[in-house]
Amino acid sequence: MIDPELKKHLQNIEKEVRELKEASTGLKSTLIRGLVYGAGYVIGAVIIVVLIGWILNIVGIIPVFNSQVTEFREALDHFSKTVQ
């Protein structure tokens, strides 16, 4: 025979596990989890592309970015002067 106190604890554990399963497999939590994972993938990919481009620019393999960086800096300088 199972001890009544042990049986009660097992029933409480089973109830909590059931509640956790229902909470973690709901549509809302699945949607939120998917959005967070998707945003993480996009942000990670952007960071990797930026780092690779930056490294290649420093090494000098991609000199095309030099003119774009210069134009971007000039635009920022112009914008900062108009704001002041």
Protein backbone atom coordinates (compact mmCIF):
# COMPACT_ATOMS: atom_id res chain seq x y z
CA MET A 1 0.00 0.00 0.00
CA ILE A 2 1.08 3.56 -0.72
CA ASP A 3 1.38 5.84 2.23
CA PRO A 4 -1.56 8.33 2.19
CA GLU A 5 0.78 11.27 2.67
CA LEU A 6 2.97 10.12 -0.24
CA LYS A 7 -0.12 9.62 -2.40
CA LYS A 8 -1.24 13.16 -1.61
CA HIS A 9 2.18 14.56 -2.56
CA LEU A 10 2.17 12.57 -5.81
CA GLN A 11 -1.27 13.90 -6.70
CA ASN A 12 -0.09 17.47 -6.04
CA ILE A 13 2.96 16.91 -8.24
CA GLU A 14 0.81 15.43 -11.00
CA LYS A 15 -1.54 18.41 -10.81
CA GLU A 16 1.34 20.90 -11.05
CA VAL A 17 2.92 19.04 -13.97
CA ARG A 18 -0.41 19.07 -15.80
CA GLU A 19 -0.77 22.82 -15.22
CA LEU A 20 2.78 23.47 -16.44
CA LYS A 21 2.17 21.41 -19.56
CA GLU A 22 -1.03 23.30 -20.35
CA ALA A 23 0.68 26.66 -19.77
CA SER A 24 3.69 25.83 -21.93
CA THR A 25 1.79 24.40 -24.88
CA GLY A 26 -0.81 27.14 -25.18
CA LEU A 27 -1.16 29.20 -28.32
CA LYS A 28 -0.10 32.42 -26.59
CA SER A 29 3.12 31.03 -25.14
CA THR A 30 3.98 29.28 -28.40
CA LEU A 31 3.46 32.50 -30.35
CA ILE A 32 5.58 34.52 -27.94
CA ARG A 33 8.33 31.91 -27.94
CA GLY A 34 8.33 31.85 -31.75
CA LEU A 35 8.54 35.63 -31.97
CA VAL A 36 11.44 35.75 -29.52
CA TYR A 37 13.33 32.99 -31.34
CA GLY A 38 12.70 34.66 -34.71
CA ALA A 39 13.89 38.03 -33.45
CA GLY A 40 16.97 36.36 -31.99
CA TYR A 41 17.82 34.74 -35.32
CA VAL A 42 17.39 38.02 -37.20
CA ILE A 43 19.44 40.04 -34.72
CA GLY A 44 22.16 37.38 -34.68
CA ALA A 45 22.33 37.28 -38.47
CA VAL A 46 22.56 41.07 -38.67
CA ILE A 47 25.36 41.15 -36.11
CA ILE A 48 27.30 38.46 -37.98
CA VAL A 49 26.93 40.23 -41.33
CA VAL A 50 27.97 43.58 -39.82
CA LEU A 51 31.01 42.05 -38.11
CA ILE A 52 32.11 40.24 -41.26
CA GLY A 53 31.69 43.41 -43.33
CA TRP A 54 33.57 45.46 -40.74
CA ILE A 55 36.45 42.98 -40.63
CA LEU A 56 36.65 42.80 -44.43
CA ASN A 57 36.58 46.59 -44.59
CA ILE A 58 39.44 46.88 -42.10
CA VAL A 59 41.49 44.29 -43.97
CA GLY A 60 40.81 46.17 -47.21
CA ILE A 61 39.15 43.38 -49.12
CA ILE A 62 35.99 45.40 -49.68
CA PRO A 63 37.02 48.98 -50.51
CA VAL A 64 33.52 49.77 -51.78
CA PHE A 65 32.34 50.24 -48.22
CA ASN A 66 34.86 53.06 -47.71
CA SER A 67 32.87 55.45 -49.90
CA GLN A 68 29.61 54.43 -48.28
CA VAL A 69 31.06 54.89 -44.79
CA THR A 70 32.37 58.32 -45.80
CA GLU A 71 28.95 59.32 -47.15
CA PHE A 72 27.27 58.05 -44.00
CA ARG A 73 29.67 60.02 -41.78
CA GLU A 74 29.10 63.17 -43.82
CA ALA A 75 25.33 62.73 -43.52
CA LEU A 76 25.62 62.28 -39.76
CA ASP A 77 27.83 65.36 -39.46
CA HIS A 78 25.37 67.39 -41.53
CA PHE A 79 22.44 66.12 -39.45
CA SER A 80 24.21 66.85 -36.15
CA LYS A 81 25.00 70.41 -37.30
CA THR A 82 21.37 71.08 -38.23
CA VAL A 83 20.13 69.79 -34.87
CA GLN A 84 22.46 72.07 -32.89
